């Protein structure tokens, strides 16, 4: 069955960095369009970025463009999200998503 397992979240000061990972199994990872989405308390899910096979330039939401970088290692079936210059408004639970599937999420807290 499809499994998506996120990790790498934590508490970081504003301006700090985190690298999230998503280990995937149960589907053809190298052929998959994969996304990172996040949810802050009391808010809807927000699309952050996605990576698709053959896509020359990954897509980012305006709120994270220039600070976040999505990448993938098809040999390891793992999706990454490098997050730099984190802001308090980046806090929330981050999920990787393939089609309708999401993992359990990893919590990101940005606070001094």
N, C-alpha and C. Protein backbone atom coordinates (compact mmCIF):
# COMPACT_ATOMS: atom_id res chain seq x y z
N UNK A 1 0.83 -1.18 0.00
CA UNK A 1 0.00 0.00 0.00
C UNK A 1 0.89 1.25 0.00
N UNK A 2 0.27 2.37 -0.31
CA UNK A 2 0.98 3.63 -0.36
C UNK A 2 1.35 4.07 1.05
N UNK A 3 2.62 4.42 1.21
CA UNK A 3 3.09 4.98 2.48
C UNK A 3 3.92 6.22 2.21
N UNK A 4 3.67 7.25 2.96
CA UNK A 4 4.43 8.49 2.92
C UNK A 4 4.78 8.83 4.36
N UNK A 5 6.06 8.93 4.65
CA UNK A 5 6.51 9.17 6.02
C UNK A 5 7.39 10.41 6.05
N UNK A 6 6.85 11.48 6.62
CA UNK A 6 7.59 12.73 6.72
C UNK A 6 8.43 12.76 7.98
N UNK A 7 9.54 13.49 7.92
CA UNK A 7 10.39 13.68 9.08
C UNK A 7 11.19 14.96 8.90
N UNK A 8 11.86 15.39 9.96
CA UNK A 8 12.75 16.54 9.87
C UNK A 8 12.22 17.82 10.47
N UNK A 9 10.99 17.81 10.92
CA UNK A 9 10.44 19.01 11.54
C UNK A 9 11.07 19.27 12.90
N UNK A 10 10.74 20.40 13.47
CA UNK A 10 11.25 20.75 14.78
C UNK A 10 11.02 22.19 15.10
N UNK A 11 11.69 22.64 16.15
CA UNK A 11 11.62 24.03 16.60
C UNK A 11 12.85 24.77 16.10
N UNK A 12 12.61 25.91 15.48
CA UNK A 12 13.73 26.69 14.95
C UNK A 12 13.45 28.16 15.18
N UNK A 13 14.51 28.93 15.34
CA UNK A 13 14.37 30.38 15.47
C UNK A 13 14.03 31.01 14.13
N UNK A 14 13.35 32.15 14.15
CA UNK A 14 13.16 32.87 12.88
C UNK A 14 14.50 33.10 12.20
N UNK A 15 14.51 32.87 10.90
CA UNK A 15 15.74 32.97 10.13
C UNK A 15 16.51 31.66 10.03
N UNK A 16 16.08 30.68 10.78
CA UNK A 16 16.75 29.39 10.75
C UNK A 16 16.33 28.52 9.59
N UNK A 17 16.88 27.31 9.57
CA UNK A 17 16.64 26.38 8.46
C UNK A 17 16.25 25.00 8.98
N UNK A 18 15.50 24.30 8.18
CA UNK A 18 15.17 22.90 8.41
C UNK A 18 15.13 22.19 7.07
N UNK A 19 15.40 20.90 7.11
CA UNK A 19 15.26 20.09 5.91
C UNK A 19 14.29 18.95 6.20
N UNK A 20 13.19 18.96 5.51
CA UNK A 20 12.19 17.92 5.66
C UNK A 20 12.44 16.81 4.66
N UNK A 21 12.11 15.60 5.07
CA UNK A 21 12.22 14.43 4.19
C UNK A 21 10.88 13.70 4.16
N UNK A 22 10.62 13.04 3.06
CA UNK A 22 9.43 12.21 2.92
C UNK A 22 9.84 10.91 2.24
N UNK A 23 9.81 9.84 2.99
CA UNK A 23 10.12 8.53 2.45
C UNK A 23 8.85 7.90 1.91
N UNK A 24 8.88 7.51 0.65
CA UNK A 24 7.68 7.03 -0.01
C UNK A 24 7.82 5.57 -0.44
N UNK A 25 6.71 4.87 -0.48
CA UNK A 25 6.69 3.50 -0.98
C UNK A 25 5.28 3.16 -1.45
N UNK A 26 5.19 2.11 -2.27
CA UNK A 26 3.89 1.63 -2.71
C UNK A 26 3.41 2.19 -4.03
N UNK A 27 4.22 2.99 -4.69
CA UNK A 27 3.86 3.51 -6.01
C UNK A 27 5.15 3.83 -6.77
N UNK A 28 5.00 4.15 -8.04
CA UNK A 28 6.15 4.42 -8.90
C UNK A 28 6.66 5.84 -8.62
N UNK A 29 7.56 5.94 -7.67
CA UNK A 29 8.03 7.24 -7.20
C UNK A 29 8.61 8.08 -8.32
N UNK A 30 9.45 7.49 -9.16
CA UNK A 30 10.14 8.27 -10.18
C UNK A 30 9.18 8.85 -11.21
N UNK A 31 8.00 8.29 -11.33
CA UNK A 31 7.01 8.78 -12.28
C UNK A 31 5.97 9.70 -11.64
N UNK A 32 6.13 9.95 -10.37
CA UNK A 32 5.06 10.61 -9.61
C UNK A 32 5.26 12.12 -9.50
N UNK A 33 4.14 12.83 -9.59
CA UNK A 33 4.10 14.24 -9.25
C UNK A 33 3.86 14.31 -7.74
N UNK A 34 4.80 14.94 -7.04
CA UNK A 34 4.76 14.97 -5.59
C UNK A 34 4.72 16.40 -5.09
N UNK A 35 4.03 16.59 -4.01
CA UNK A 35 3.88 17.95 -3.48
C UNK A 35 4.16 17.99 -1.99
N UNK A 36 4.54 19.15 -1.54
CA UNK A 36 4.54 19.48 -0.12
C UNK A 36 3.37 20.44 0.12
N UNK A 37 2.61 20.13 1.15
CA UNK A 37 1.53 21.01 1.57
C UNK A 37 1.69 21.22 3.07
N UNK A 38 1.08 22.27 3.59
CA UNK A 38 1.18 22.52 5.02
C UNK A 38 -0.17 22.99 5.54
N UNK A 39 -0.32 22.83 6.83
CA UNK A 39 -1.54 23.28 7.49
C UNK A 39 -1.17 23.92 8.81
N UNK A 40 -1.56 25.17 8.97
CA UNK A 40 -1.38 25.87 10.22
C UNK A 40 -2.66 25.74 11.03
N UNK A 41 -2.55 25.86 12.36
CA UNK A 41 -3.75 25.71 13.20
C UNK A 41 -4.87 26.64 12.76
N UNK A 42 -6.04 26.09 12.56
CA UNK A 42 -7.21 26.88 12.20
C UNK A 42 -7.27 27.29 10.75
N UNK A 43 -6.33 26.81 9.95
CA UNK A 43 -6.30 27.19 8.54
C UNK A 43 -6.44 25.98 7.65
N UNK A 44 -6.77 26.25 6.39
CA UNK A 44 -6.87 25.17 5.42
C UNK A 44 -5.49 24.71 4.99
N UNK A 45 -5.46 23.57 4.33
CA UNK A 45 -4.21 23.11 3.72
C UNK A 45 -3.76 24.13 2.69
N UNK A 46 -2.46 24.35 2.67
CA UNK A 46 -1.86 25.29 1.73
C UNK A 46 -0.80 24.57 0.92
N UNK A 47 -0.92 24.65 -0.39
CA UNK A 47 0.10 24.07 -1.25
C UNK A 47 1.38 24.88 -1.12
N UNK A 48 2.51 24.19 -1.00
CA UNK A 48 3.80 24.85 -0.84
C UNK A 48 4.65 24.72 -2.10
N UNK A 49 4.76 23.48 -2.62
CA UNK A 49 5.62 23.25 -3.76
C UNK A 49 5.29 21.90 -4.37
N UNK A 50 5.65 21.71 -5.63
CA UNK A 50 5.55 20.37 -6.19
C UNK A 50 6.68 20.10 -7.16
N UNK A 51 6.93 18.81 -7.33
CA UNK A 51 7.98 18.33 -8.21
C UNK A 51 7.39 17.25 -9.09
N UNK A 52 7.58 17.39 -10.39
CA UNK A 52 7.04 16.41 -11.33
C UNK A 52 8.16 15.89 -12.21
N UNK A 53 8.05 14.65 -12.67
CA UNK A 53 9.07 14.11 -13.57
C UNK A 53 9.19 14.96 -14.82
N UNK A 54 10.41 15.25 -15.18
CA UNK A 54 10.64 16.04 -16.38
C UNK A 54 10.38 17.52 -16.22
N UNK A 55 9.98 17.91 -15.05
CA UNK A 55 9.72 19.34 -14.83
C UNK A 55 11.04 20.07 -14.69
N UNK A 56 11.26 21.07 -15.52
CA UNK A 56 12.53 21.78 -15.50
C UNK A 56 12.67 22.64 -14.26
N UNK A 57 11.58 23.29 -13.90
CA UNK A 57 11.64 24.21 -12.77
C UNK A 57 10.53 23.85 -11.79
N UNK A 58 10.90 23.50 -10.56
CA UNK A 58 9.84 23.22 -9.58
C UNK A 58 8.98 24.45 -9.34
N UNK A 59 7.79 24.21 -8.87
CA UNK A 59 6.86 25.30 -8.60
C UNK A 59 6.77 25.55 -7.11
N UNK A 60 6.63 26.81 -6.75
CA UNK A 60 6.53 27.20 -5.34
C UNK A 60 5.42 28.21 -5.16
N UNK A 61 4.85 28.20 -3.97
CA UNK A 61 3.90 29.26 -3.66
C UNK A 61 4.67 30.57 -3.49
N UNK A 62 4.01 31.66 -3.70
CA UNK A 62 4.67 32.95 -3.57
C UNK A 62 5.21 33.17 -2.16
N UNK A 63 4.56 32.59 -1.18
CA UNK A 63 4.97 32.81 0.21
C UNK A 63 6.30 32.16 0.56
N UNK A 64 6.73 31.17 -0.23
CA UNK A 64 7.98 30.47 0.10
C UNK A 64 9.03 30.60 -1.00
N UNK A 65 8.65 31.17 -2.12
CA UNK A 65 9.58 31.28 -3.26
C UNK A 65 10.84 32.01 -2.85
N UNK A 66 11.98 31.45 -3.22
CA UNK A 66 13.26 32.06 -2.89
C UNK A 66 13.81 31.62 -1.55
N UNK A 67 13.00 30.96 -0.75
CA UNK A 67 13.46 30.49 0.57
C UNK A 67 13.43 28.96 0.68
N UNK A 68 12.51 28.33 0.00
CA UNK A 68 12.36 26.87 0.07
C UNK A 68 12.83 26.25 -1.24
N UNK A 69 13.38 25.04 -1.13
CA UNK A 69 13.80 24.29 -2.31
C UNK A 69 13.33 22.85 -2.20
N UNK A 70 12.58 22.41 -3.18
CA UNK A 70 12.12 21.03 -3.23
C UNK A 70 13.10 20.22 -4.08
N UNK A 71 13.33 18.99 -3.66
CA UNK A 71 14.19 18.10 -4.44
C UNK A 71 13.74 16.66 -4.19
N UNK A 72 14.26 15.78 -5.01
CA UNK A 72 13.88 14.37 -4.88
C UNK A 72 15.06 13.49 -5.22
N UNK A 73 15.12 12.35 -4.58
CA UNK A 73 16.11 11.33 -4.88
C UNK A 73 15.34 10.10 -5.29
N UNK A 74 15.24 9.88 -6.58
CA UNK A 74 14.45 8.76 -7.08
C UNK A 74 15.05 7.41 -6.70
N UNK A 75 16.36 7.36 -6.50
CA UNK A 75 17.00 6.11 -6.09
C UNK A 75 16.61 5.73 -4.66
N UNK A 76 16.30 6.73 -3.86
CA UNK A 76 15.94 6.48 -2.46
C UNK A 76 14.44 6.63 -2.21
N UNK A 77 13.68 6.92 -3.27
CA UNK A 77 12.24 7.15 -3.12
C UNK A 77 11.96 8.18 -2.02
N UNK A 78 12.70 9.27 -2.06
CA UNK A 78 12.59 10.28 -1.01
C UNK A 78 12.45 11.67 -1.61
N UNK A 79 11.52 12.41 -1.04
CA UNK A 79 11.27 13.80 -1.41
C UNK A 79 11.79 14.68 -0.28
N UNK A 80 12.37 15.82 -0.62
CA UNK A 80 12.93 16.73 0.37
C UNK A 80 12.34 18.13 0.22
N UNK A 81 12.42 18.87 1.32
CA UNK A 81 12.09 20.29 1.27
C UNK A 81 13.10 21.01 2.16
N UNK A 82 14.00 21.74 1.53
CA UNK A 82 14.96 22.56 2.26
C UNK A 82 14.30 23.90 2.52
N UNK A 83 14.20 24.27 3.78
CA UNK A 83 13.53 25.50 4.16
C UNK A 83 14.53 26.43 4.83
N UNK A 84 14.79 27.56 4.23
CA UNK A 84 15.73 28.54 4.76
C UNK A 84 15.00 29.83 5.13
N UNK A 85 15.65 30.62 5.96
CA UNK A 85 15.08 31.90 6.37
C UNK A 85 13.62 31.74 6.83
N UNK A 86 13.43 30.81 7.74
CA UNK A 86 12.07 30.51 8.18
C UNK A 86 11.46 31.68 8.94
N UNK A 87 10.16 31.83 8.74
CA UNK A 87 9.40 32.91 9.37
C UNK A 87 8.32 32.30 10.28
N UNK A 88 7.86 33.03 11.26
CA UNK A 88 6.80 32.50 12.12
C UNK A 88 5.58 32.02 11.35
N UNK A 89 5.28 32.65 10.23
CA UNK A 89 4.11 32.24 9.46
C UNK A 89 4.34 30.94 8.69
N UNK A 90 5.56 30.43 8.71
CA UNK A 90 5.83 29.12 8.10
C UNK A 90 5.49 27.97 9.03
N UNK A 91 5.19 28.27 10.27
CA UNK A 91 4.89 27.22 11.23
C UNK A 91 3.64 26.45 10.84
N UNK A 92 3.67 25.15 11.14
CA UNK A 92 2.52 24.30 10.85
C UNK A 92 2.96 22.87 10.70
N UNK A 93 2.03 22.05 10.27
CA UNK A 93 2.35 20.66 9.98
C UNK A 93 2.53 20.51 8.48
N UNK A 94 3.65 19.93 8.11
CA UNK A 94 4.01 19.77 6.71
C UNK A 94 3.80 18.32 6.29
N UNK A 95 3.18 18.17 5.14
CA UNK A 95 2.86 16.86 4.60
C UNK A 95 3.40 16.75 3.18
N UNK A 96 3.86 15.56 2.82
CA UNK A 96 4.07 15.31 1.41
C UNK A 96 2.82 14.60 0.87
N UNK A 97 2.56 14.81 -0.39
CA UNK A 97 1.31 14.33 -0.97
C UNK A 97 1.53 13.76 -2.36
N UNK A 98 0.94 12.61 -2.59
CA UNK A 98 0.86 12.02 -3.92
C UNK A 98 -0.59 11.68 -4.20
N UNK A 99 -1.13 12.24 -5.22
CA UNK A 99 -2.56 12.10 -5.54
C UNK A 99 -3.34 12.42 -4.27
N UNK A 100 -4.18 11.51 -3.80
CA UNK A 100 -4.98 11.84 -2.61
C UNK A 100 -4.32 11.40 -1.31
N UNK A 101 -3.11 10.88 -1.40
CA UNK A 101 -2.44 10.34 -0.23
C UNK A 101 -1.53 11.37 0.44
N UNK A 102 -1.58 11.40 1.75
CA UNK A 102 -0.66 12.21 2.55
C UNK A 102 -0.14 11.38 3.70
N UNK A 103 1.04 11.75 4.19
CA UNK A 103 1.57 11.07 5.36
C UNK A 103 0.98 11.64 6.63
N UNK A 104 1.65 11.34 7.75
CA UNK A 104 1.16 11.80 9.05
C UNK A 104 1.61 13.23 9.34
N UNK A 105 2.54 13.71 8.56
CA UNK A 105 3.01 15.08 8.72
C UNK A 105 4.16 15.20 9.70
N UNK A 106 4.86 16.32 9.59
CA UNK A 106 5.93 16.65 10.51
C UNK A 106 5.74 18.11 10.93
N UNK A 107 5.87 18.36 12.22
CA UNK A 107 5.55 19.67 12.78
C UNK A 107 6.73 20.62 12.69
N UNK A 108 6.47 21.80 12.22
CA UNK A 108 7.47 22.87 12.16
C UNK A 108 7.01 24.02 13.05
N UNK A 109 7.86 24.40 13.97
CA UNK A 109 7.58 25.53 14.86
C UNK A 109 8.68 26.56 14.68
N UNK A 110 8.29 27.79 14.42
CA UNK A 110 9.25 28.87 14.22
C UNK A 110 8.99 29.91 15.30
N UNK A 111 9.89 29.98 16.24
CA UNK A 111 9.68 30.88 17.37
C UNK A 111 11.00 31.19 18.05
N UNK A 112 11.10 32.40 18.55
CA UNK A 112 12.29 32.75 19.32
C UNK A 112 12.02 32.56 20.80
